[in-house]
Amino acid sequence: MVCVEVTRNGGPEGAIVNLKVRGHAGFAGYGDDIVCAAASATAYTAAGALTKLCGAPRGCAKERDGFFEIKPPAFKNADDAYRAGIIMEAAYIGYKQIEASYPGFLSVTEKLSDGG
């Protein structure tokens, strides 16, 4: 199963401060798994958009086999921060839609940041 963990800050907007994607869906064999492909495409799109549209460093996203993590930086520019929030929420919505369409193959959980 692909497990997506979304961490939000405790602020009034509940901004996403971390997004982790772990595991393999097991929906189909390697190279044919549409759930894994959808999960990967969502993560890559969010990371790429943060870089291209908000000026985030490439280092805010880390990946290896079966793992992808995005930690949006603290943006100094309010417009970049706003766009980053929309990008992260769009990724969250995408994952929730995948979860609804493929229950048992992808799950999304949310938690509040511990402040550290």
PDB file of N, CA and C in Angstrom:
ATOM      1  N   MET A   1       0.835  -1.176   0.000  1.00  0.00           N
ATOM      2  CA  MET A   1       0.000   0.000   0.000  1.00  0.00           C
ATOM      3  C   MET A   1       0.885   1.247   0.000  1.00  0.00           C
ATOM      4  N   VAL A   2       0.438   2.275  -0.713  1.00  0.00           N
ATOM      5  CA  VAL A   2       1.098   3.570  -0.670  1.00  0.00           C
ATOM      6  C   VAL A   2       0.481   4.340   0.491  1.00  0.00           C
ATOM      7  N   CYS A   3       1.330   4.822   1.386  1.00  0.00           N
ATOM      8  CA  CYS A   3       0.873   5.600   2.540  1.00  0.00           C
ATOM      9  C   CYS A   3       1.341   7.040   2.367  1.00  0.00           C
ATOM     10  N   VAL A   4       0.391   7.951   2.385  1.00  0.00           N
ATOM     11  CA  VAL A   4       0.676   9.370   2.259  1.00  0.00           C
ATOM     12  C   VAL A   4       0.400   9.999   3.611  1.00  0.00           C
ATOM     13  N   GLU A   5       1.422  10.661   4.166  1.00  0.00           N
ATOM     14  CA  GLU A   5       1.279  11.329   5.463  1.00  0.00           C
ATOM     15  C   GLU A   5       1.451  12.825   5.244  1.00  0.00           C
ATOM     16  N   VAL A   6       0.417  13.573   5.602  1.00  0.00           N
ATOM     17  CA  VAL A   6       0.419  15.025   5.467  1.00  0.00           C
ATOM     18  C   VAL A   6       0.525  15.623   6.866  1.00  0.00           C
ATOM     19  N   THR A   7       1.529  16.487   7.052  1.00  0.00           N
ATOM     20  CA  THR A   7       1.697  17.179   8.332  1.00  0.00           C
ATOM     21  C   THR A   7       1.350  18.639   8.130  1.00  0.00           C
ATOM     22  N   ARG A   8       0.476  19.131   8.990  1.00  0.00           N
ATOM     23  CA  ARG A   8       0.036  20.528   8.923  1.00  0.00           C
ATOM     24  C   ARG A   8       0.547  21.286  10.142  1.00  0.00           C
ATOM     25  N   ASN A   9       0.768  22.604   9.945  1.00  0.00           N
ATOM     26  CA  ASN A   9       1.150  23.415  11.097  1.00  0.00           C
ATOM     27  C   ASN A   9      -0.098  23.731  11.915  1.00  0.00           C
ATOM     28  N   GLY A  10       0.097  24.289  13.079  1.00  0.00           N
ATOM     29  CA  GLY A  10      -1.033  24.584  13.958  1.00  0.00           C
ATOM     30  C   GLY A  10      -1.653  25.937  13.711  1.00  0.00           C
ATOM     31  N   GLY A  11      -1.252  26.617  12.652  1.00  0.00           N
ATOM     32  CA  GLY A  11      -1.779  27.942  12.352  1.00  0.00           C
ATOM     33  C   GLY A  11      -3.223  27.903  11.900  1.00  0.00           C
ATOM     34  N   PRO A  12      -3.806  29.084  11.725  1.00  0.00           N
ATOM     35  CA  PRO A  12      -5.226  29.160  11.346  1.00  0.00           C
ATOM     36  C   PRO A  12      -5.512  28.547   9.974  1.00  0.00           C
ATOM     37  N   GLU A  13      -4.542  28.568   9.098  1.00  0.00           N
ATOM     38  CA  GLU A  13      -4.729  27.990   7.774  1.00  0.00           C
ATOM     39  C   GLU A  13      -4.431  26.492   7.747  1.00  0.00           C
ATOM     40  N   GLY A  14      -3.698  26.000   8.749  1.00  0.00           N
ATOM     41  CA  GLY A  14      -3.316  24.588   8.765  1.00  0.00           C
ATOM     42  C   GLY A  14      -2.487  24.209   7.554  1.00  0.00           C
ATOM     43  N   ALA A  15      -1.502  25.048   7.231  1.00  0.00           N
ATOM     44  CA  ALA A  15      -0.684  24.832   6.036  1.00  0.00           C
ATOM     45  C   ALA A  15       0.073  23.516   6.107  1.00  0.00           C
ATOM     46  N   ILE A  16       0.237  22.891   4.959  1.00  0.00           N
ATOM     47  CA  ILE A  16       0.997  21.648   4.863  1.00  0.00           C
ATOM     48  C   ILE A  16       2.483  21.980   4.947  1.00  0.00           C
ATOM     49  N   VAL A  17       3.149  21.415   5.945  1.00  0.00           N
ATOM     50  CA  VAL A  17       4.578  21.667   6.142  1.00  0.00           C
ATOM     51  C   VAL A  17       5.439  20.458   5.765  1.00  0.00           C
ATOM     52  N   ASN A  18       4.796  19.328   5.518  1.00  0.00           N
ATOM     53  CA  ASN A  18       5.530  18.131   5.134  1.00  0.00           C
ATOM     54  C   ASN A  18       4.557  17.156   4.487  1.00  0.00           C
ATOM     55  N   LEU A  19       5.029  16.497   3.436  1.00  0.00           N
ATOM     56  CA  LEU A  19       4.231  15.483   2.765  1.00  0.00           C
ATOM     57  C   LEU A  19       5.154  14.313   2.477  1.00  0.00           C
ATOM     58  N   LYS A  20       4.810  13.153   3.010  1.00  0.00           N
ATOM     59  CA  LYS A  20       5.608  11.939   2.798  1.00  0.00           C
ATOM     60  C   LYS A  20       4.773  10.901   2.077  1.00  0.00           C
ATOM     61  N   VAL A  21       5.379  10.268   1.098  1.00  0.00           N
ATOM     62  CA  VAL A  21       4.745   9.192   0.343  1.00  0.00           C
ATOM     63  C   VAL A  21       5.655   7.982   0.465  1.00  0.00           C
ATOM     64  N   ARG A  22       5.104   6.870   0.982  1.00  0.00           N
ATOM     65  CA  ARG A  22       5.913   5.665   1.207  1.00  0.00           C
ATOM     66  C   ARG A  22       5.200   4.438   0.678  1.00  0.00           C
ATOM     67  N   GLY A  23       6.005   3.501   0.206  1.00  0.00           N
ATOM     68  CA  GLY A  23       5.475   2.185  -0.127  1.00  0.00           C
ATOM     69  C   GLY A  23       5.152   1.997  -1.591  1.00  0.00           C
ATOM     70  N   HIS A  24       4.621   0.832  -1.869  1.00  0.00           N
ATOM     71  CA  HIS A  24       4.214   0.453  -3.218  1.00  0.00           C
ATOM     72  C   HIS A  24       2.774  -0.049  -3.134  1.00  0.00           C
ATOM     73  N   ALA A  25       1.989   0.300  -4.118  1.00  0.00           N
ATOM     74  CA  ALA A  25       0.557  -0.008  -4.066  1.00  0.00           C
ATOM     75  C   ALA A  25       0.258  -1.497  -4.159  1.00  0.00           C
ATOM     76  N   GLY A  26       0.960  -2.201  -5.013  1.00  0.00           N
ATOM     77  CA  GLY A  26       0.643  -3.615  -5.209  1.00  0.00           C
ATOM     78  C   GLY A  26      -0.615  -3.811  -6.036  1.00  0.00           C
ATOM     79  N   PHE A  27      -1.032  -2.794  -6.768  1.00  0.00           N
ATOM     80  CA  PHE A  27      -2.216  -2.895  -7.620  1.00  0.00           C
ATOM     81  C   PHE A  27      -1.929  -3.756  -8.849  1.00  0.00           C
ATOM     82  N   ALA A  28      -0.706  -3.623  -9.366  1.00  0.00           N
ATOM     83  CA  ALA A  28      -0.277  -4.391 -10.535  1.00  0.00           C
ATOM     84  C   ALA A  28       1.237  -4.561 -10.452  1.00  0.00           C
ATOM     85  N   GLY A  29       1.802  -5.272 -11.397  1.00  0.00           N
ATOM     86  CA  GLY A  29       3.237  -5.511 -11.408  1.00  0.00           C
ATOM     87  C   GLY A  29       4.042  -4.249 -11.701  1.00  0.00           C
ATOM     88  N   TYR A  30       5.338  -4.347 -11.440  1.00  0.00           N
ATOM     89  CA  TYR A  30       6.250  -3.234 -11.671  1.00  0.00           C
ATOM     90  C   TYR A  30       6.128  -2.741 -13.110  1.00  0.00           C
ATOM     91  N   GLY A  31       5.982  -1.450 -13.273  1.00  0.00           N
ATOM     92  CA  GLY A  31       5.835  -0.859 -14.593  1.00  0.00           C
ATOM     93  C   GLY A  31       4.410  -0.791 -15.099  1.00  0.00           C
ATOM     94  N   ASP A  32       3.497  -1.483 -14.423  1.00  0.00           N
ATOM     95  CA  ASP A  32       2.092  -1.494 -14.835  1.00  0.00           C
ATOM     96  C   ASP A  32       1.157  -0.983 -13.745  1.00  0.00           C
ATOM     97  N   ASP A  33       1.704  -0.571 -12.621  1.00  0.00           N
ATOM     98  CA  ASP A  33       0.891  -0.188 -11.461  1.00  0.00           C
ATOM     99  C   ASP A  33       0.434   1.262 -11.589  1.00  0.00           C
ATOM    100  N   ILE A  34      -0.839   1.440 -11.956  1.00  0.00           N
ATOM    101  CA  ILE A  34      -1.356   2.793 -12.169  1.00  0.00           C
ATOM    102  C   ILE A  34      -1.503   3.582 -10.867  1.00  0.00           C
ATOM    103  N   VAL A  35      -1.670   2.908  -9.755  1.00  0.00           N
ATOM    104  CA  VAL A  35      -1.778   3.618  -8.477  1.00  0.00           C
ATOM    105  C   VAL A  35      -0.411   4.188  -8.091  1.00  0.00           C
ATOM    106  N   CYS A  36       0.635   3.382  -8.236  1.00  0.00           N
ATOM    107  CA  CYS A  36       1.989   3.897  -7.975  1.00  0.00           C
ATOM    108  C   CYS A  36       2.330   5.031  -8.928  1.00  0.00           C
ATOM    109  N   ALA A  37       1.943   4.888 -10.176  1.00  0.00           N
ATOM    110  CA  ALA A  37       2.219   5.938 -11.161  1.00  0.00           C
ATOM    111  C   ALA A  37       1.500   7.228 -10.797  1.00  0.00           C
ATOM    112  N   ALA A  38       0.255   7.121 -10.375  1.00  0.00           N
ATOM    113  CA  ALA A  38      -0.503   8.306  -9.983  1.00  0.00           C
ATOM    114  C   ALA A  38       0.106   8.969  -8.746  1.00  0.00           C
ATOM    115  N   ALA A  39       0.518   8.152  -7.784  1.00  0.00           N
ATOM    116  CA  ALA A  39       1.131   8.691  -6.565  1.00  0.00           C
ATOM    117  C   ALA A  39       2.444   9.392  -6.886  1.00  0.00           C
ATOM    118  N   SER A  40       3.245   8.786  -7.733  1.00  0.00           N
ATOM    119  CA  SER A  40       4.523   9.380  -8.121  1.00  0.00           C
ATOM    120  C   SER A  40       4.317  10.665  -8.918  1.00  0.00           C
ATOM    121  N   ALA A  41       3.405  10.639  -9.871  1.00  0.00           N
ATOM    122  CA  ALA A  41       3.148  11.817 -10.697  1.00  0.00           C
ATOM    123  C   ALA A  41       2.672  12.991  -9.849  1.00  0.00           C
ATOM    124  N   THR A  42       1.854  12.715  -8.856  1.00  0.00           N
ATOM    125  CA  THR A  42       1.360  13.777  -7.976  1.00  0.00           C
ATOM    126  C   THR A  42       2.516  14.399  -7.195  1.00  0.00           C
ATOM    127  N   ALA A  43       3.395  13.571  -6.657  1.00  0.00           N
ATOM    128  CA  ALA A  43       4.539  14.071  -5.891  1.00  0.00           C
ATOM    129  C   ALA A  43       5.505  14.860  -6.771  1.00  0.00           C
ATOM    130  N   TYR A  44       5.840  14.304  -7.927  1.00  0.00           N
ATOM    131  CA  TYR A  44       6.762  14.994  -8.839  1.00  0.00           C
ATOM    132  C   TYR A  44       6.183  16.324  -9.317  1.00  0.00           C
ATOM    133  N   THR A  45       4.892  16.354  -9.581  1.00  0.00           N
ATOM    134  CA  THR A  45       4.257  17.590 -10.031  1.00  0.00           C
ATOM    135  C   THR A  45       4.304  18.654  -8.936  1.00  0.00           C
ATOM    136  N   ALA A  46       3.992  18.265  -7.706  1.00  0.00           N
ATOM    137  CA  ALA A  46       4.037  19.229  -6.597  1.00  0.00           C
ATOM    138  C   ALA A  46       5.453  19.755  -6.394  1.00  0.00           C
ATOM    139  N   ALA A  47       6.429  18.863  -6.387  1.00  0.00           N
ATOM    140  CA  ALA A  47       7.819  19.286  -6.185  1.00  0.00           C
ATOM    141  C   ALA A  47       8.288  20.192  -7.321  1.00  0.00           C
ATOM    142  N   GLY A  48       7.970  19.837  -8.542  1.00  0.00           N
ATOM    143  CA  GLY A  48       8.353  20.647  -9.689  1.00  0.00           C
ATOM    144  C   GLY A  48       7.690  22.010  -9.686  1.00  0.00           C
ATOM    145  N   ALA A  49       6.416  22.045  -9.314  1.00  0.00           N
ATOM    146  CA  ALA A  49       5.693  23.313  -9.256  1.00  0.00           C
ATOM    147  C   ALA A  49       6.264  24.217  -8.169  1.00  0.00           C
ATOM    148  N   LEU A  50       6.630  23.646  -7.029  1.00  0.00           N
ATOM    149  CA  LEU A  50       7.240  24.464  -5.969  1.00  0.00           C
ATOM    150  C   LEU A  50       8.527  25.120  -6.464  1.00  0.00           C
ATOM    151  N   THR A  51       9.309  24.370  -7.223  1.00  0.00           N
ATOM    152  CA  THR A  51      10.570  24.898  -7.752  1.00  0.00           C
ATOM    153  C   THR A  51      10.322  25.946  -8.838  1.00  0.00           C
ATOM    154  N   LYS A  52       9.507  25.596  -9.817  1.00  0.00           N
ATOM    155  CA  LYS A  52       9.299  26.468 -10.978  1.00  0.00           C
ATOM    156  C   LYS A  52       8.431  27.688 -10.668  1.00  0.00           C
ATOM    157  N   LEU A  53       7.401  27.516  -9.856  1.00  0.00           N
ATOM    158  CA  LEU A  53       6.446  28.602  -9.638  1.00  0.00           C
ATOM    159  C   LEU A  53       6.706  29.416  -8.377  1.00  0.00           C
ATOM    160  N   CYS A  54       7.455  28.832  -7.436  1.00  0.00           N
ATOM    161  CA  CYS A  54       7.674  29.518  -6.156  1.00  0.00           C
ATOM    162  C   CYS A  54       9.148  29.757  -5.848  1.00  0.00           C
ATOM    163  N   GLY A  55      10.036  29.208  -6.647  1.00  0.00           N
ATOM    164  CA  GLY A  55      11.463  29.383  -6.409  1.00  0.00           C
ATOM    165  C   GLY A  55      12.029  28.542  -5.287  1.00  0.00           C
ATOM    166  N   ALA A  56      11.316  27.468  -4.924  1.00  0.00           N
ATOM    167  CA  ALA A  56      11.811  26.584  -3.859  1.00  0.00           C
ATOM    168  C   ALA A  56      13.056  25.847  -4.353  1.00  0.00           C
ATOM    169  N   PRO A  57      14.005  25.597  -3.460  1.00  0.00           N
ATOM    170  CA  PRO A  57      15.185  24.825  -3.878  1.00  0.00           C
ATOM    171  C   PRO A  57      14.792  23.377  -4.167  1.00  0.00           C
ATOM    172  N   ARG A  58      15.524  22.761  -5.075  1.00  0.00           N
ATOM    173  CA  ARG A  58      15.250  21.354  -5.404  1.00  0.00           C
ATOM    174  C   ARG A  58      15.396  20.454  -4.183  1.00  0.00           C
ATOM    175  N   GLY A  59      16.193  20.875  -3.224  1.00  0.00           N
ATOM    176  CA  GLY A  59      16.413  20.086  -2.019  1.00  0.00           C
ATOM    177  C   GLY A  59      15.203  19.984  -1.107  1.00  0.00           C
ATOM    178  N   CYS A  60      14.132  20.705  -1.413  1.00  0.00           N
ATOM    179  CA  CYS A  60      12.941  20.599  -0.561  1.00  0.00           C
ATOM    180  C   CYS A  60      12.202  19.291  -0.829  1.00  0.00           C
ATOM    181  N   ALA A  61      12.601  18.575  -1.886  1.00  0.00           N
ATOM    182  CA  ALA A  61      12.012  17.274  -2.187  1.00  0.00           C
ATOM    183  C   ALA A  61      13.116  16.233  -2.225  1.00  0.00           C
ATOM    184  N   LYS A  62      12.852  15.110  -1.568  1.00  0.00           N
ATOM    185  CA  LYS A  62      13.810  14.005  -1.557  1.00  0.00           C
ATOM    186  C   LYS A  62      13.077  12.747  -1.986  1.00  0.00           C
ATOM    187  N   GLU A  63      13.775  11.933  -2.755  1.00  0.00           N
ATOM    188  CA  GLU A  63      13.142  10.691  -3.203  1.00  0.00           C
ATOM    189  C   GLU A  63      14.137   9.561  -3.314  1.00  0.00           C
ATOM    190  N   ARG A  64      13.612   8.379  -3.130  1.00  0.00           N
ATOM    191  CA  ARG A  64      14.327   7.135  -3.385  1.00  0.00           C
ATOM    192  C   ARG A  64      13.247   6.082  -3.621  1.00  0.00           C
ATOM    193  N   ASP A  65      13.638   4.902  -3.955  1.00  0.00           N
ATOM    194  CA  ASP A  65      12.667   3.862  -4.292  1.00  0.00           C
ATOM    195  C   ASP A  65      11.628   3.703  -3.178  1.00  0.00           C
ATOM    196  N   GLY A  66      10.382   3.912  -3.526  1.00  0.00           N
ATOM    197  CA  GLY A  66       9.290   3.727  -2.571  1.00  0.00           C
ATOM    198  C   GLY A  66       9.150   4.831  -1.548  1.00  0.00           C
ATOM    199  N   PHE A  67       9.802   5.972  -1.765  1.00  0.00           N
ATOM    200  CA  PHE A  67       9.736   7.069  -0.789  1.00  0.00           C
ATOM    201  C   PHE A  67       9.885   8.407  -1.494  1.00  0.00           C
ATOM    202  N   PHE A  68       9.050   9.364  -1.118  1.00  0.00           N
ATOM    203  CA  PHE A  68       9.135  10.738  -1.630  1.00  0.00           C
ATOM    204  C   PHE A  68       8.709  11.655  -0.497  1.00  0.00           C
ATOM    205  N   GLU A  69       9.495  12.686  -0.236  1.00  0.00           N
ATOM    206  CA  GLU A  69       9.155  13.634   0.828  1.00  0.00           C
ATOM    207  C   GLU A  69       9.311  15.052   0.302  1.00  0.00           C
ATOM    208  N   ILE A  70       8.330  15.892   0.609  1.00  0.00           N
ATOM    209  CA  ILE A  70       8.380  17.300   0.234  1.00  0.00           C
ATOM    210  C   ILE A  70       8.209  18.129   1.503  1.00  0.00           C
ATOM    211  N   LYS A  71       9.187  19.011   1.746  1.00  0.00           N
ATOM    212  CA  LYS A  71       9.134  19.963   2.857  1.00  0.00           C
ATOM    213  C   LYS A  71       9.246  21.368   2.260  1.00  0.00           C
ATOM    214  N   PRO A  72       8.118  22.028   2.047  1.00  0.00           N
ATOM    215  CA  PRO A  72       8.199  23.377   1.489  1.00  0.00           C
ATOM    216  C   PRO A  72       8.990  24.288   2.433  1.00  0.00           C
ATOM    217  N   PRO A  73       9.878  25.115   1.880  1.00  0.00           N
ATOM    218  CA  PRO A  73      10.647  26.015   2.743  1.00  0.00           C
ATOM    219  C   PRO A  73       9.771  27.163   3.248  1.00  0.00           C
ATOM    220  N   ALA A  74      10.301  27.907   4.198  1.00  0.00           N
ATOM    221  CA  ALA A  74       9.625  29.129   4.646  1.00  0.00           C
ATOM    222  C   ALA A  74       9.943  30.198   3.604  1.00  0.00           C
ATOM    223  N   PHE A  75       8.942  30.621   2.879  1.00  0.00           N
ATOM    224  CA  PHE A  75       9.137  31.604   1.826  1.00  0.00           C
ATOM    225  C   PHE A  75       9.126  33.010   2.405  1.00  0.00           C
ATOM    226  N   LYS A  76      10.054  33.842   1.958  1.00  0.00           N
ATOM    227  CA  LYS A  76      10.105  35.241   2.396  1.00  0.00           C
ATOM    228  C   LYS A  76       9.056  36.077   1.665  1.00  0.00           C
ATOM    229  N   ASN A  77       8.766  35.700   0.437  1.00  0.00           N
ATOM    230  CA  ASN A  77       7.801  36.413  -0.385  1.00  0.00           C
ATOM    231  C   ASN A  77       6.405  35.845  -0.128  1.00  0.00           C
ATOM    232  N   ALA A  78       5.457  36.704   0.234  1.00  0.00           N
ATOM    233  CA  ALA A  78       4.102  36.249   0.562  1.00  0.00           C
ATOM    234  C   ALA A  78       3.415  35.598  -0.637  1.00  0.00           C
ATOM    235  N   ASP A  79       3.668  36.101  -1.843  1.00  0.00           N
ATOM    236  CA  ASP A  79       3.050  35.505  -3.030  1.00  0.00           C
ATOM    237  C   ASP A  79       3.553  34.080  -3.259  1.00  0.00           C
ATOM    238  N   ASP A  80       4.857  33.867  -3.067  1.00  0.00           N
ATOM    239  CA  ASP A  80       5.417  32.521  -3.209  1.00  0.00           C
ATOM    240  C   ASP A  80       4.831  31.583  -2.159  1.00  0.00           C
ATOM    241  N   ALA A  81       4.701  32.068  -0.930  1.00  0.00           N
ATOM    242  CA  ALA A  81       4.129  31.254   0.145  1.00  0.00           C
ATOM    243  C   ALA A  81       2.679  30.879  -0.178  1.00  0.00           C
ATOM    244  N   TYR A  82       1.929  31.834  -0.701  1.00  0.00           N
ATOM    245  CA  TYR A  82       0.536  31.585  -1.067  1.00  0.00           C
ATOM    246  C   TYR A  82       0.445  30.522  -2.169  1.00  0.00           C
ATOM    247  N   ARG A  83       1.261  30.689  -3.222  1.00  0.00           N
ATOM    248  CA  ARG A  83       1.265  29.715  -4.310  1.00  0.00           C
ATOM    249  C   ARG A  83       1.682  28.330  -3.815  1.00  0.00           C
ATOM    250  N   ALA A  84       2.686  28.292  -2.945  1.00  0.00           N
ATOM    251  CA  ALA A  84       3.149  27.011  -2.395  1.00  0.00           C
ATOM    252  C   ALA A  84       2.024  26.315  -1.633  1.00  0.00           C
ATOM    253  N   GLY A  85       1.264  27.092  -0.882  1.00  0.00           N
ATOM    254  CA  GLY A  85       0.127  26.514  -0.149  1.00  0.00           C
ATOM    255  C   GLY A  85      -0.898  25.898  -1.079  1.00  0.00           C
ATOM    256  N   ILE A  86      -1.176  26.572  -2.176  1.00  0.00           N
ATOM    257  CA  ILE A  86      -2.129  26.044  -3.153  1.00  0.00           C
ATOM    258  C   ILE A  86      -1.585  24.763  -3.784  1.00  0.00           C
ATOM    259  N   ILE A  87      -0.318  24.759  -4.132  1.00  0.00           N
ATOM    260  CA  ILE A  87       0.301  23.576  -4.736  1.00  0.00           C
ATOM    261  C   ILE A  87       0.205  22.378  -3.785  1.00  0.00           C
ATOM    262  N   MET A  88       0.535  22.588  -2.526  1.00  0.00           N
ATOM    263  CA  MET A  88       0.499  21.484  -1.562  1.00  0.00           C
ATOM    264  C   MET A  88      -0.925  20.999  -1.319  1.00  0.00           C
ATOM    265  N   GLU A  89      -1.881  21.927  -1.259  1.00  0.00           N
ATOM    266  CA  GLU A  89      -3.286  21.520  -1.088  1.00  0.00           C
ATOM    267  C   GLU A  89      -3.787  20.762  -2.314  1.00  0.00           C
ATOM    268  N   ALA A  90      -3.356  21.182  -3.502  1.00  0.00           N
ATOM    269  CA  ALA A  90      -3.750  20.471  -4.720  1.00  0.00           C
ATOM    270  C   ALA A  90      -3.211  19.037  -4.704  1.00  0.00           C
ATOM    271  N   ALA A  91      -1.970  18.866  -4.249  1.00  0.00           N
ATOM    272  CA  ALA A  91      -1.411  17.512  -4.133  1.00  0.00           C
ATOM    273  C   ALA A  91      -2.230  16.689  -3.137  1.00  0.00           C
ATOM    274  N   TYR A  92      -2.569  17.297  -1.999  1.00  0.00           N
ATOM    275  CA  TYR A  92      -3.382  16.609  -0.989  1.00  0.00           C
ATOM    276  C   TYR A  92      -4.720  16.163  -1.587  1.00  0.00           C
ATOM    277  N   ILE A  93      -5.369  17.063  -2.312  1.00  0.00           N
ATOM    278  CA  ILE A  93      -6.656  16.731  -2.938  1.00  0.00           C
ATOM    279  C   ILE A  93      -6.476  15.583  -3.930  1.00  0.00           C
ATOM    280  N   GLY A  94      -5.405  15.632  -4.703  1.00  0.00           N
ATOM    281  CA  GLY A  94      -5.133  14.542  -5.645  1.00  0.00           C
ATOM    282  C   GLY A  94      -4.981  13.207  -4.942  1.00  0.00           C
ATOM    283  N   TYR A  95      -4.241  13.201  -3.850  1.00  0.00           N
ATOM    284  CA  TYR A  95      -4.070  11.952  -3.097  1.00  0.00           C
ATOM    285  C   TYR A  95      -5.390  11.466  -2.510  1.00  0.00           C
ATOM    286  N   LYS A  96      -6.218  12.376  -2.021  1.00  0.00           N
ATOM    287  CA  LYS A  96      -7.526  11.979  -1.476  1.00  0.00           C
ATOM    288  C   LYS A  96      -8.402  11.373  -2.583  1.00  0.00           C
ATOM    289  N   GLN A  97      -8.299  11.904  -3.798  1.00  0.00           N
ATOM    290  CA  GLN A  97      -9.075  11.350  -4.906  1.00  0.00           C
ATOM    291  C   GLN A  97      -8.575   9.957  -5.288  1.00  0.00           C
ATOM    292  N   ILE A  98      -7.266   9.771  -5.290  1.00  0.00           N
ATOM    293  CA  ILE A  98      -6.715   8.442  -5.570  1.00  0.00           C
ATOM    294  C   ILE A  98      -7.167   7.465  -4.484  1.00  0.00           C
ATOM    295  N   GLU A  99      -7.099   7.896  -3.225  1.00  0.00           N
ATOM    296  CA  GLU A  99      -7.529   7.056  -2.109  1.00  0.00           C
ATOM    297  C   GLU A  99      -8.982   6.621  -2.280  1.00  0.00           C
ATOM    298  N   ALA A 100      -9.848   7.548  -2.693  1.00  0.00           N
ATOM    299  CA  ALA A 100     -11.269   7.230  -2.869  1.00  0.00           C
ATOM    300  C   ALA A 100     -11.496   6.266  -4.037  1.00  0.00           C
ATOM    301  N   SER A 101     -10.679   6.400  -5.072  1.00  0.00           N
ATOM    302  CA  SER A 101     -10.844   5.553  -6.253  1.00  0.00           C
ATOM    303  C   SER A 101     -10.214   4.173  -6.098  1.00  0.00           C
ATOM    304  N   TYR A 102      -9.171   4.083  -5.270  1.00  0.00           N
ATOM    305  CA  TYR A 102      -8.433   2.820  -5.108  1.00  0.00           C
ATOM    306  C   TYR A 102      -8.249   2.489  -3.630  1.00  0.00           C
ATOM    307  N   PRO A 103      -9.353   2.289  -2.901  1.00  0.00           N
ATOM    308  CA  PRO A 103      -9.221   1.969  -1.471  1.00  0.00           C
ATOM    309  C   PRO A 103      -8.442   0.669  -1.293  1.00  0.00           C
ATOM    310  N   GLY A 104      -7.609   0.665  -0.289  1.00  0.00           N
ATOM    311  CA  GLY A 104      -6.791  -0.512  -0.030  1.00  0.00           C
ATOM    312  C   GLY A 104      -5.451  -0.488  -0.742  1.00  0.00           C
ATOM    313  N   PHE A 105      -5.262   0.487  -1.624  1.00  0.00           N
ATOM    314  CA  PHE A 105      -3.993   0.596  -2.349  1.00  0.00           C
ATOM    315  C   PHE A 105      -3.251   1.888  -2.034  1.00  0.00           C
ATOM    316  N   LEU A 106      -3.963   2.905  -1.556  1.00  0.00           N
ATOM    317  CA  LEU A 106      -3.358   4.168  -1.146  1.00  0.00           C
ATOM    318  C   LEU A 106      -4.169   4.726   0.007  1.00  0.00           C
ATOM    319  N   SER A 107      -3.484   5.170   1.050  1.00  0.00           N
ATOM    320  CA  SER A 107      -4.205   5.785   2.165  1.00  0.00           C
ATOM    321  C   SER A 107      -3.527   7.113   2.519  1.00  0.00           C
ATOM    322  N   VAL A 108      -4.347   8.055   2.968  1.00  0.00           N
ATOM    323  CA  VAL A 108      -3.877   9.382   3.345  1.00  0.00           C
ATOM    324  C   VAL A 108      -4.180   9.601   4.821  1.00  0.00           C
ATOM    325  N   THR A 109      -3.161  10.018   5.571  1.00  0.00           N
ATOM    326  CA  THR A 109      -3.375  10.387   6.966  1.00  0.00           C
ATOM    327  C   THR A 109      -2.865  11.809   7.163  1.00  0.00           C
ATOM    328  N   GLU A 110      -3.414  12.474   8.150  1.00  0.00           N
ATOM    329  CA  GLU A 110      -2.995  13.835   8.485  1.00  0.00           C
ATOM    330  C   GLU A 110      -2.618  13.901   9.949  1.00  0.00           C
ATOM    331  N   LYS A 111      -1.674  14.789  10.238  1.00  0.00           N
ATOM    332  CA  LYS A 111      -1.294  15.030  11.622  1.00  0.00           C
ATOM    333  C   LYS A 111      -0.864  16.483  11.753  1.00  0.00           C
ATOM    334  N   LEU A 112      -0.822  16.956  12.994  1.00  0.00           N
ATOM    335  CA  LEU A 112      -0.334  18.303  13.270  1.00  0.00           C
ATOM    336  C   LEU A 112       1.138  18.243  13.578  1.00  0.00           C
ATOM    337  N   SER A 113       1.840  19.276  13.157  1.00  0.00           N
ATOM    338  CA  SER A 113       3.271  19.378  13.423  1.00  0.00           C
ATOM    339  C   SER A 113       3.493  19.457  14.923  1.00  0.00           C
ATOM    340  N   ASP A 114       4.584  18.828  15.365  1.00  0.00           N
ATOM    341  CA  ASP A 114       4.930  18.906  16.774  1.00  0.00           C
ATOM    342  C   ASP A 114       5.723  20.182  17.073  1.00  0.00           C
ATOM    343  N   GLY A 115       5.884  21.007  16.031  1.00  0.00           N
ATOM    344  CA  GLY A 115       6.593  22.276  16.219  1.00  0.00           C
ATOM    345  C   GLY A 115       8.079  22.188  16.037  1.00  0.00           C
ATOM    346  N   GLY A 116       8.634  20.990  15.881  1.00  0.00           N
ATOM    347  CA  GLY A 116      10.069  20.810  15.764  1.00  0.00           C
ATOM    348  C   GLY A 116      10.511  20.689  14.420  1.00  0.00           C
TER     349      GLY A 116
END
